[in-house]
C-alpha atoms as a PDB file:
ATOM      1  CA  MET A   1       0.000   0.000   0.000  1.00  0.00           C
ATOM      2  CA  THR A   2       1.155   3.527  -0.777  1.00  0.00           C
ATOM      3  CA  SER A   3       1.841   5.703   2.266  1.00  0.00           C
ATOM      4  CA  THR A   4      -0.394   8.657   3.096  1.00  0.00           C
ATOM      5  CA  SER A   5       2.439  11.124   2.517  1.00  0.00           C
ATOM      6  CA  ASN A   6       3.064   9.714  -0.971  1.00  0.00           C
ATOM      7  CA  ARG A   7      -0.638   9.929  -1.803  1.00  0.00           C
ATOM      8  CA  ILE A   8      -0.665  13.573  -0.713  1.00  0.00           C
ATOM      9  CA  LYS A   9       2.436  14.338  -2.798  1.00  0.00           C
ATOM     10  CA  THR A  10       0.820  12.654  -5.797  1.00  0.00           C
ATOM     11  CA  SER A  11      -2.401  14.619  -5.349  1.00  0.00           C
ATOM     12  CA  PHE A  12      -0.431  17.879  -5.290  1.00  0.00           C
ATOM     13  CA  GLN A  13       1.550  16.903  -8.394  1.00  0.00           C
ATOM     14  CA  VAL A  14      -1.606  15.973 -10.332  1.00  0.00           C
ATOM     15  CA  TRP A  15      -3.274  19.232  -9.240  1.00  0.00           C
ATOM     16  CA  LYS A  16      -0.224  21.260 -10.315  1.00  0.00           C
ATOM     17  CA  ASP A  17       0.044  19.514 -13.691  1.00  0.00           C
ATOM     18  CA  ASN A  18      -3.665  20.049 -14.414  1.00  0.00           C
ATOM     19  CA  PHE A  19      -4.213  23.377 -12.656  1.00  0.00           C
ATOM     20  CA  LEU A  20      -5.983  25.116 -15.541  1.00  0.00           C
ATOM     21  CA  LYS A  21      -8.344  22.180 -16.131  1.00  0.00           C
ATOM     22  CA  PHE A  22      -9.377  22.208 -12.475  1.00  0.00           C
ATOM     23  CA  VAL A  23      -9.860  25.984 -12.398  1.00  0.00           C
ATOM     24  CA  LEU A  24     -12.046  25.981 -15.508  1.00  0.00           C
ATOM     25  CA  ALA A  25     -14.049  23.007 -14.233  1.00  0.00           C
ATOM     26  CA  GLU A  26     -14.646  24.564 -10.823  1.00  0.00           C
ATOM     27  CA  ILE A  27     -15.545  27.984 -12.207  1.00  0.00           C
ATOM     28  CA  SER A  28     -18.158  26.465 -14.512  1.00  0.00           C
ATOM     29  CA  MET A  29     -19.544  24.356 -11.666  1.00  0.00           C
ATOM     30  CA  ALA A  30     -19.535  27.349  -9.285  1.00  0.00           C
ATOM     31  CA  ILE A  31     -21.571  29.396 -11.758  1.00  0.00           C
ATOM     32  CA  ILE A  32     -24.125  26.614 -12.081  1.00  0.00           C
ATOM     33  CA  ILE A  33     -24.245  26.110  -8.298  1.00  0.00           C
ATOM     34  CA  GLY A  34     -24.836  29.839  -7.827  1.00  0.00           C
ATOM     35  CA  ILE A  35     -27.682  29.856 -10.333  1.00  0.00           C
ATOM     36  CA  VAL A  36     -29.328  26.734  -8.890  1.00  0.00           C
ATOM     37  CA  PHE A  37     -28.996  27.834  -5.257  1.00  0.00           C
ATOM     38  CA  THR A  38     -30.311  31.319  -6.056  1.00  0.00           C
ATOM     39  CA  ALA A  39     -33.277  29.728  -7.813  1.00  0.00           C
ATOM     40  CA  PHE A  40     -33.810  27.453  -4.792  1.00  0.00           C
ATOM     41  CA  SER A  41     -33.696  30.455  -2.452  1.00  0.00           C
ATOM     42  CA  MET A  42     -36.203  32.317  -4.613  1.00  0.00           C
ATOM     43  CA  VAL A  43     -38.596  29.354  -4.486  1.00  0.00           C
ATOM     44  CA  VAL A  44     -38.355  29.388  -0.676  1.00  0.00           C
ATOM     45  CA  ALA A  45     -38.874  33.157  -0.669  1.00  0.00           C
ATOM     46  CA  ILE A  46     -41.964  32.853  -2.891  1.00  0.00           C
ATOM     47  CA  GLY A  47     -43.315  30.234  -0.491  1.00  0.00           C
ATOM     48  CA  ILE A  48     -42.811  32.646   2.417  1.00  0.00           C
ATOM     49  CA  VAL A  49     -44.620  35.413   0.527  1.00  0.00           C
ATOM     50  CA  ILE A  50     -47.538  33.083  -0.250  1.00  0.00           C
ATOM     51  CA  ILE A  51     -47.823  32.172   3.436  1.00  0.00           C
ATOM     52  CA  ASN A  52     -47.421  35.791   4.562  1.00  0.00           C
ATOM     53  CA  PRO A  53     -48.341  38.258   1.774  1.00  0.00           C
ATOM     54  CA  ALA A  54     -47.326  41.194   3.990  1.00  0.00           C
ATOM     55  CA  ILE A  55     -43.652  40.336   3.375  1.00  0.00           C
ATOM     56  CA  SER A  56     -42.121  41.508   0.100  1.00  0.00           C
ATOM     57  CA  LEU A  57     -40.372  38.993  -2.143  1.00  0.00           C
ATOM     58  CA  LEU A  58     -37.006  40.755  -1.726  1.00  0.00           C
ATOM     59  CA  ASP A  59     -37.317  40.780   2.072  1.00  0.00           C
ATOM     60  CA  ALA A  60     -38.255  37.094   2.104  1.00  0.00           C
ATOM     61  CA  PHE A  61     -35.281  36.236  -0.121  1.00  0.00           C
ATOM     62  CA  LEU A  62     -32.825  38.234   2.004  1.00  0.00           C
ATOM     63  CA  ASN A  63     -34.306  36.885   5.233  1.00  0.00           C
ATOM     64  CA  TYR A  64     -33.772  33.332   3.989  1.00  0.00           C
ATOM     65  CA  LEU A  65     -30.129  33.987   3.135  1.00  0.00           C
ATOM     66  CA  THR A  66     -29.435  35.770   6.452  1.00  0.00           C
ATOM     67  CA  SER A  67     -31.750  33.858   8.796  1.00  0.00           C
ATOM     68  CA  TRP A  68     -28.726  32.470  10.640  1.00  0.00           C
ATOM     69  CA  TRP A  69     -27.231  35.872  11.527  1.00  0.00           C
ATOM     70  CA  PRO A  70     -29.313  36.764  14.645  1.00  0.00           C
ATOM     71  CA  ILE A  71     -28.545  33.335  16.089  1.00  0.00           C
ATOM     72  CA  LEU A  72     -24.845  33.769  15.297  1.00  0.00           C
ATOM     73  CA  THR A  73     -24.700  37.136  17.053  1.00  0.00           C
ATOM     74  CA  GLN A  74     -26.376  35.624  20.122  1.00  0.00           C
ATOM     75  CA  GLY A  75     -23.353  33.356  20.419  1.00  0.00           C
ATOM     76  CA  ASP A  76     -25.395  30.206  21.054  1.00  0.00           C
ATOM     77  CA  ILE A  77     -23.699  27.507  18.996  1.00  0.00           C
ATOM     78  CA  THR A  78     -26.336  24.930  19.970  1.00  0.00           C
ATOM     79  CA  LEU A  79     -28.877  26.918  17.950  1.00  0.00           C
ATOM     80  CA  LEU A  80     -26.410  28.108  15.317  1.00  0.00           C
ATOM     81  CA  LEU A  81     -25.545  24.622  14.072  1.00  0.00           C
ATOM     82  CA  PRO A  82     -29.106  23.345  13.463  1.00  0.00           C
ATOM     83  CA  SER A  83     -30.137  26.727  12.020  1.00  0.00           C
ATOM     84  CA  LEU A  84     -27.280  26.770   9.522  1.00  0.00           C
ATOM     85  CA  ILE A  85     -27.913  23.161   8.572  1.00  0.00           C
ATOM     86  CA  ILE A  86     -31.655  23.566   8.019  1.00  0.00           C
ATOM     87  CA  ALA A  87     -31.627  26.993   6.361  1.00  0.00           C
ATOM     88  CA  ILE A  88     -28.496  26.909   4.241  1.00  0.00           C
ATOM     89  CA  ILE A  89     -26.108  23.985   4.508  1.00  0.00           C
ATOM     90  CA  ILE A  90     -28.271  20.975   3.549  1.00  0.00           C
ATOM     91  CA  PRO A  91     -29.647  22.556   0.345  1.00  0.00           C
ATOM     92  CA  LEU A  92     -26.263  24.012  -0.637  1.00  0.00           C
ATOM     93  CA  TYR A  93     -24.412  20.852   0.384  1.00  0.00           C
ATOM     94  CA  ALA A  94     -26.700  18.575  -1.623  1.00  0.00           C
ATOM     95  CA  ILE A  95     -26.397  20.825  -4.672  1.00  0.00           C
ATOM     96  CA  GLY A  96     -22.634  21.127  -4.119  1.00  0.00           C
ATOM     97  CA  VAL A  97     -22.157  17.361  -3.987  1.00  0.00           C
ATOM     98  CA  TRP A  98     -24.238  17.093  -7.156  1.00  0.00           C
ATOM     99  CA  PHE A  99     -21.895  19.414  -9.001  1.00  0.00           C
ATOM    100  CA  VAL A 100     -18.645  18.118  -7.495  1.00  0.00           C
ATOM    101  CA  PHE A 101     -19.250  14.875  -9.391  1.00  0.00           C
ATOM    102  CA  PRO A 102     -18.006  16.391 -12.675  1.00  0.00           C
ATOM    103  CA  VAL A 103     -14.734  17.341 -10.950  1.00  0.00           C
ATOM    104  CA  TYR A 104     -14.408  13.751  -9.719  1.00  0.00           C
ATOM    105  CA  GLY A 105     -15.158  12.654 -13.281  1.00  0.00           C
ATOM    106  CA  LEU A 106     -12.444  14.955 -14.610  1.00  0.00           C
ATOM    107  CA  VAL A 107      -9.976  13.485 -12.107  1.00  0.00           C
ATOM    108  CA  LYS A 108     -10.997   9.953 -13.097  1.00  0.00           C
ATOM    109  CA  SER A 109     -10.404  10.812 -16.755  1.00  0.00           C
ATOM    110  CA  ILE A 110      -6.999  12.367 -15.995  1.00  0.00           C
ATOM    111  CA  LEU A 111      -5.811   9.550 -13.744  1.00  0.00           C
ATOM    112  CA  PHE A 112      -7.181   6.414 -15.338  1.00  0.00           C
ATOM    113  CA  ASP A 113      -8.309   7.089 -18.927  1.00  0.00           C
ATOM    114  CA  GLU A 114      -5.751   6.691 -21.690  1.00  0.00           C
ATOM    115  CA  SER A 115      -7.226   9.484 -23.832  1.00  0.00           C
ATOM    116  CA  ASP A 116      -5.248  12.711 -24.165  1.00  0.00           C
ATOM    117  CA  PHE A 117      -8.551  14.601 -24.045  1.00  0.00           C
ATOM    118  CA  PRO A 118     -10.342  13.852 -20.763  1.00  0.00           C
ATOM    119  CA  LYS A 119     -14.128  13.993 -20.730  1.00  0.00           C
ATOM    120  CA  LYS A 120     -15.339  17.518 -19.964  1.00  0.00           C
ATOM    121  CA  PRO A 121     -17.021  18.174 -16.582  1.00  0.00           C
ATOM    122  CA  LEU A 122     -20.411  19.022 -18.106  1.00  0.00           C
ATOM    123  CA  GLU A 123     -20.356  15.720 -19.984  1.00  0.00           C
ATOM    124  CA  TRP A 124     -20.050  13.926 -16.645  1.00  0.00           C
ATOM    125  CA  LEU A 125     -22.937  15.975 -15.259  1.00  0.00           C
ATOM    126  CA  LYS A 126     -25.211  15.069 -18.171  1.00  0.00           C
ATOM    127  CA  GLN A 127     -24.170  11.434 -17.894  1.00  0.00           C
ATOM    128  CA  GLY A 128     -25.749  10.809 -14.484  1.00  0.00           C
ATOM    129  CA  LYS A 129     -27.395  13.970 -13.203  1.00  0.00           C
ATOM    130  CA  GLU A 130     -30.330  12.211 -11.476  1.00  0.00           C
ATOM    131  CA  LYS A 131     -28.069   9.627  -9.832  1.00  0.00           C
ATOM    132  CA  TYR A 132     -25.655  12.341  -8.720  1.00  0.00           C
ATOM    133  CA  LEU A 133     -28.454  14.454  -7.242  1.00  0.00           C
ATOM    134  CA  ILE A 134     -29.826  11.505  -5.254  1.00  0.00           C
ATOM    135  CA  THR A 135     -26.307  10.780  -3.999  1.00  0.00           C
ATOM    136  CA  GLY A 136     -25.882  14.430  -3.005  1.00  0.00           C
ATOM    137  CA  VAL A 137     -29.091  14.397  -0.970  1.00  0.00           C
ATOM    138  CA  ILE A 138     -28.199  11.101   0.747  1.00  0.00           C
ATOM    139  CA  LEU A 139     -24.653  12.245   1.506  1.00  0.00           C
ATOM    140  CA  SER A 140     -25.782  15.594   2.910  1.00  0.00           C
ATOM    141  CA  LEU A 141     -28.426  14.000   5.136  1.00  0.00           C
ATOM    142  CA  LEU A 142     -26.213  11.179   6.434  1.00  0.00           C
ATOM    143  CA  SER A 143     -23.269  13.472   7.149  1.00  0.00           C
ATOM    144  CA  LEU A 144     -25.202  16.363   8.695  1.00  0.00           C
ATOM    145  CA  ALA A 145     -28.379  14.956  10.256  1.00  0.00           C
ATOM    146  CA  PRO A 146     -26.856  12.709  12.988  1.00  0.00           C
ATOM    147  CA  GLY A 147     -24.723  15.501  14.445  1.00  0.00           C
ATOM    148  CA  SER A 148     -27.420  18.167  14.247  1.00  0.00           C
ATOM    149  CA  ILE A 149     -30.045  15.862  15.796  1.00  0.00           C
ATOM    150  CA  THR A 150     -27.613  15.045  18.616  1.00  0.00           C
ATOM    151  CA  VAL A 151     -27.044  18.767  19.214  1.00  0.00           C
ATOM    152  CA  ILE A 152     -30.785  19.435  19.354  1.00  0.00           C
ATOM    153  CA  LEU A 153     -31.406  16.511  21.736  1.00  0.00           C
ATOM    154  CA  LEU A 154     -28.571  17.573  24.059  1.00  0.00           C
ATOM    155  CA  THR A 155     -29.883  21.134  24.007  1.00  0.00           C
ATOM    156  CA  GLU A 156     -33.317  19.872  25.025  1.00  0.00           C
ATOM    157  CA  LEU A 157     -31.750  17.651  27.692  1.00  0.00           C
ATOM    158  CA  PHE A 158     -29.824  20.473  29.369  1.00  0.00           C
ATOM    159  CA  GLY A 159     -32.537  23.056  28.767  1.00  0.00           C
ATOM    160  CA  TYR A 160     -32.482  26.121  26.533  1.00  0.00           C
ATOM    161  CA  PRO A 161     -30.611  28.425  26.640  1.00  0.00           C
ATOM    162  CA  VAL A 162     -27.475  26.357  27.163  1.00  0.00           C
ATOM    163  CA  GLY A 163     -24.797  28.463  28.833  1.00  0.00           C
ATOM    164  CA  TYR A 164     -21.114  28.863  28.053  1.00  0.00           C
ATOM    165  CA  PRO A 165     -18.983  26.693  27.791  1.00  0.00           C
ATOM    166  CA  LEU A 166     -21.527  23.852  27.582  1.00  0.00           C
ATOM    167  CA  ASP A 167     -22.967  25.296  24.360  1.00  0.00           C
ATOM    168  CA  TRP A 168     -19.545  25.037  22.691  1.00  0.00           C
ATOM    169  CA  ILE A 169     -19.001  21.510  24.048  1.00  0.00           C
ATOM    170  CA  ILE A 170     -22.329  20.377  22.598  1.00  0.00           C
ATOM    171  CA  GLY A 171     -21.449  22.067  19.315  1.00  0.00           C
ATOM    172  CA  PHE A 172     -18.108  20.267  19.125  1.00  0.00           C
ATOM    173  CA  ILE A 173     -19.837  16.946  19.844  1.00  0.00           C
ATOM    174  CA  GLY A 174     -21.982  17.610  16.778  1.00  0.00           C
ATOM    175  CA  ILE A 175     -18.880  18.445  14.743  1.00  0.00           C
ATOM    176  CA  GLY A 176     -17.203  15.240  15.953  1.00  0.00           C
ATOM    177  CA  ILE A 177     -20.147  13.166  14.750  1.00  0.00           C
ATOM    178  CA  PHE A 178     -19.969  14.963  11.392  1.00  0.00           C
ATOM    179  CA  PHE A 179     -16.254  14.097  11.169  1.00  0.00           C
ATOM    180  CA  VAL A 180     -16.909  10.379  11.708  1.00  0.00           C
ATOM    181  CA  MET A 181     -19.872  10.267   9.326  1.00  0.00           C
ATOM    182  CA  MET A 182     -17.946  12.070   6.585  1.00  0.00           C
ATOM    183  CA  GLY A 183     -15.059   9.667   7.079  1.00  0.00           C
ATOM    184  CA  LEU A 184     -17.388   6.733   6.470  1.00  0.00           C
ATOM    185  CA  LEU A 185     -18.667   8.460   3.316  1.00  0.00           C
ATOM    186  CA  MET A 186     -15.265   9.353   1.842  1.00  0.00           C
ATOM    187  CA  MET A 187     -15.478   6.568  -0.744  1.00  0.00           C
ATOM    188  CA  TYR A 188     -19.145   7.281  -1.601  1.00  0.00           C
ATOM    189  CA  VAL A 189     -18.668   9.698  -4.502  1.00  0.00           C
ATOM    190  CA  PRO A 190     -15.777   7.699  -6.035  1.00  0.00           C
ATOM    191  CA  SER A 191     -17.983   4.587  -5.832  1.00  0.00           C
ATOM    192  CA  VAL A 192     -20.857   6.272  -7.659  1.00  0.00           C
ATOM    193  CA  ILE A 193     -18.618   7.934 -10.259  1.00  0.00           C
ATOM    194  CA  SER A 194     -17.216   4.458 -10.985  1.00  0.00           C
ATOM    195  CA  GLY A 195     -20.670   3.198 -11.943  1.00  0.00           C
ATOM    196  CA  LYS A 196     -22.407   2.106  -8.736  1.00  0.00           C
ATOM    197  CA  GLY A 197     -25.863   3.352  -7.793  1.00  0.00           C
ATOM    198  CA  PRO A 198     -26.588   5.659  -4.824  1.00  0.00           C
ATOM    199  CA  ILE A 199     -27.450   2.776  -2.464  1.00  0.00           C
ATOM    200  CA  SER A 200     -24.837   0.248  -3.631  1.00  0.00           C
ATOM    201  CA  GLY A 201     -22.258   3.052  -3.650  1.00  0.00           C
ATOM    202  CA  LEU A 202     -23.146   3.910  -0.056  1.00  0.00           C
ATOM    203  CA  LYS A 203     -22.743   0.300   1.053  1.00  0.00           C
ATOM    204  CA  ASN A 204     -19.461   0.034  -0.845  1.00  0.00           C
ATOM    205  CA  SER A 205     -18.110   3.212   0.760  1.00  0.00           C
ATOM    206  CA  ILE A 206     -18.882   2.067   4.302  1.00  0.00           C
ATOM    207  CA  ARG A 207     -17.395  -1.375   3.595  1.00  0.00           C
ATOM    208  CA  LEU A 208     -14.183   0.010   2.093  1.00  0.00           C
ATOM    209  CA  VAL A 209     -13.708   2.564   4.871  1.00  0.00           C
ATOM    210  CA  ILE A 210     -14.229  -0.009   7.634  1.00  0.00           C
ATOM    211  CA  GLN A 211     -11.717  -2.315   5.945  1.00  0.00           C
ATOM    212  CA  ASN A 212      -9.205   0.530   5.473  1.00  0.00           C
ATOM    213  CA  VAL A 213      -9.892   2.817   8.442  1.00  0.00           C
ATOM    214  CA  LYS A 214      -6.303   3.968   8.918  1.00  0.00           C
ATOM    215  CA  ASP A 215      -5.674   4.855   5.264  1.00  0.00           C
ATOM    216  CA  VAL A 216      -8.990   6.628   4.713  1.00  0.00           C
ATOM    217  CA  PHE A 217      -9.109   8.571   7.969  1.00  0.00           C
ATOM    218  CA  SER A 218      -5.455   9.639   7.794  1.00  0.00           C
ATOM    219  CA  MET A 219      -6.176  11.189   4.383  1.00  0.00           C
ATOM    220  CA  TRP A 220      -9.456  12.680   5.631  1.00  0.00           C
ATOM    221  CA  ILE A 221      -7.758  14.214   8.699  1.00  0.00           C
ATOM    222  CA  PHE A 222      -5.018  15.801   6.582  1.00  0.00           C
ATOM    223  CA  TYR A 223      -7.376  17.340   4.042  1.00  0.00           C
ATOM    224  CA  LEU A 224      -9.846  18.403   6.730  1.00  0.00           C
ATOM    225  CA  PHE A 225      -7.044  20.194   8.571  1.00  0.00           C
ATOM    226  CA  MET A 226      -6.034  21.954   5.362  1.00  0.00           C
ATOM    227  CA  LEU A 227      -9.660  22.938   4.750  1.00  0.00           C
ATOM    228  CA  ILE A 228     -10.264  24.428   8.212  1.00  0.00           C
ATOM    229  CA  ILE A 229      -6.855  25.839   9.186  1.00  0.00           C
ATOM    230  CA  TRP A 230      -7.832  29.270   7.828  1.00  0.00           C
ATOM    231  CA  PHE A 231     -10.935  29.363  10.026  1.00  0.00           C
ATOM    232  CA  ILE A 232      -9.329  28.293  13.310  1.00  0.00           C
ATOM    233  CA  PRO A 233      -8.222  31.852  14.298  1.00  0.00           C
ATOM    234  CA  ILE A 234     -11.732  33.322  13.939  1.00  0.00           C
ATOM    235  CA  VAL A 235     -13.230  30.373  15.840  1.00  0.00           C
ATOM    236  CA  ILE A 236     -10.749  30.840  18.710  1.00  0.00           C
ATOM    237  CA  HIS A 237     -11.435  34.582  18.708  1.00  0.00           C
ATOM    238  CA  ALA A 238     -15.197  33.984  18.822  1.00  0.00           C
ATOM    239  CA  PHE A 239     -14.771  31.380  21.563  1.00  0.00           C
ATOM    240  CA  ILE A 240     -12.859  33.805  23.791  1.00  0.00           C
ATOM    241  CA  PHE A 241     -14.424  37.176  22.954  1.00  0.00           C
ATOM    242  CA  GLY A 242     -17.716  36.310  21.275  1.00  0.00           C
ATOM    243  CA  PHE A 243     -18.728  37.328  17.756  1.00  0.00           C
ATOM    244  CA  SER A 244     -19.265  41.049  17.207  1.00  0.00           C
ATOM    245  CA  VAL A 245     -21.486  42.718  14.624  1.00  0.00           C
ATOM    246  CA  PRO A 246     -19.465  43.068  11.381  1.00  0.00           C
ATOM    247  CA  GLY A 247     -17.459  46.295  11.181  1.00  0.00           C
ATOM    248  CA  THR A 248     -17.221  46.911  14.922  1.00  0.00           C
ATOM    249  CA  ASP A 249     -14.073  44.865  15.615  1.00  0.00           C
ATOM    250  CA  PRO A 250     -11.091  45.498  13.249  1.00  0.00           C
ATOM    251  CA  PHE A 251      -9.178  42.428  14.426  1.00  0.00           C
ATOM    252  CA  GLN A 252     -12.229  40.245  13.887  1.00  0.00           C
ATOM    253  CA  SER A 253     -12.574  41.725  10.391  1.00  0.00           C
ATOM    254  CA  PHE A 254      -8.932  40.819   9.709  1.00  0.00           C
ATOM    255  CA  LEU A 255      -9.543  37.228  10.823  1.00  0.00           C
ATOM    256  CA  VAL A 256     -12.662  37.066   8.662  1.00  0.00           C
ATOM    257  CA  ALA A 257     -10.559  38.262   5.704  1.00  0.00           C
ATOM    258  CA  ILE A 258      -8.076  35.442   6.361  1.00  0.00           C
ATOM    259  CA  ALA A 259     -10.974  32.994   6.438  1.00  0.00           C
ATOM    260  CA  GLY A 260     -12.250  34.410   3.143  1.00  0.00           C
ATOM    261  CA  LEU A 261      -8.846  33.969   1.500  1.00  0.00           C
ATOM    262  CA  GLY A 262      -8.704  30.470   2.946  1.00  0.00           C
ATOM    263  CA  ALA A 263     -12.090  29.633   1.451  1.00  0.00           C
ATOM    264  CA  PHE A 264     -10.732  30.657  -1.962  1.00  0.00           C
ATOM    265  CA  LEU A 265      -7.644  28.452  -1.517  1.00  0.00           C
ATOM    266  CA  ASP A 266      -9.833  25.603  -0.287  1.00  0.00           C
ATOM    267  CA  GLY A 267     -11.933  25.759  -3.424  1.00  0.00           C
ATOM    268  CA  PHE A 268      -9.124  25.970  -5.958  1.00  0.00           C
ATOM    269  CA  VAL A 269      -6.271  24.102  -4.240  1.00  0.00           C
ATOM    270  CA  VAL A 270      -7.273  21.874  -1.319  1.00  0.00           C
ATOM    271  CA  LEU A 271     -10.563  20.528  -2.708  1.00  0.00           C
ATOM    272  CA  PRO A 272      -9.071  19.417  -6.070  1.00  0.00           C
ATOM    273  CA  MET A 273      -6.144  17.830  -4.229  1.00  0.00           C
ATOM    274  CA  MET A 274      -8.580  16.041  -1.931  1.00  0.00           C
ATOM    275  CA  ILE A 275     -10.593  14.748  -4.891  1.00  0.00           C
ATOM    276  CA  VAL A 276      -7.410  13.485  -6.567  1.00  0.00           C
ATOM    277  CA  GLY A 277      -6.181  11.887  -3.338  1.00  0.00           C
ATOM    278  CA  MET A 278      -9.462  10.155  -2.551  1.00  0.00           C
ATOM    279  CA  SER A 279      -9.859   8.960  -6.150  1.00  0.00           C
ATOM    280  CA  HIS A 280      -6.363   7.457  -6.037  1.00  0.00           C
ATOM    281  CA  LEU A 281      -7.074   5.845  -2.671  1.00  0.00           C
ATOM    282  CA  TYR A 282     -10.392   4.431  -3.895  1.00  0.00           C
ATOM    283  CA  ASP A 283      -8.727   2.829  -6.904  1.00  0.00           C
ATOM    284  CA  GLU A 284      -6.005   1.419  -4.677  1.00  0.00           C
ATOM    285  CA  ILE A 285      -8.224  -0.156  -2.007  1.00  0.00           C
ATOM    286  CA  GLN A 286     -10.964  -1.213  -4.438  1.00  0.00           C
ATOM    287  CA  THR A 287      -8.576  -3.304  -6.517  1.00  0.00           C
ATOM    288  CA  LYS A 288      -6.225  -4.632  -3.834  1.00  0.00           C
END
């Protein structure tokens, strides 16, 4: 078996050699994600207006996109996590997984197809859009629901509002459950992109991960650390000082800017490397 460090080096080399292909693929997918999620938000907003005609369509749309902010400023992470998941993350996550399939397809073409002209991302999307959407919904629910339900149950158990630092402890328990669930699902998308259905791919992912826990989770831990390292300073700052209204704390604004830059690097560097690394690992453990 190849070592984790060698897999990471290989993923970086493949990303570097195909940088432009990844950038073009992700930009096209990001545009489509933006259009689809905006349309989804507008549908929700129209539903709100139908239920309450006194609210304007623009207000309903903006309220949907920012419904998490009052909870965030209250500093209660036990409410923040379920609110974010219900209002924003599950829809965006499911759509995001749907459209990350073409990037996985591009990686599969680069790594394993002999053609000098890998299949374009949109061709992968057209090839199995319904299957990919179902997989995205299943993956988002299985990775996010267990942790968020646990957070809600613990909040009910200890009584709302949950005080500091117990609210953070409960929040981190939810994050820990998410970490484990995502680890078990790391081989899900590669399984489906290789031809399995949403259910058989799910079973295959769990089986492969259980049989190769060390290899899968060591890769997952590395890429997760690279994904979140930019956000650790703002989380520590919020943990110690709370989260201020934007514009009132210059140092907080600086940390938010670092997080924003990190999100950009995550999208165009870490995520493609992770897709390459997990695709390589899937091929390795699937055929061993």
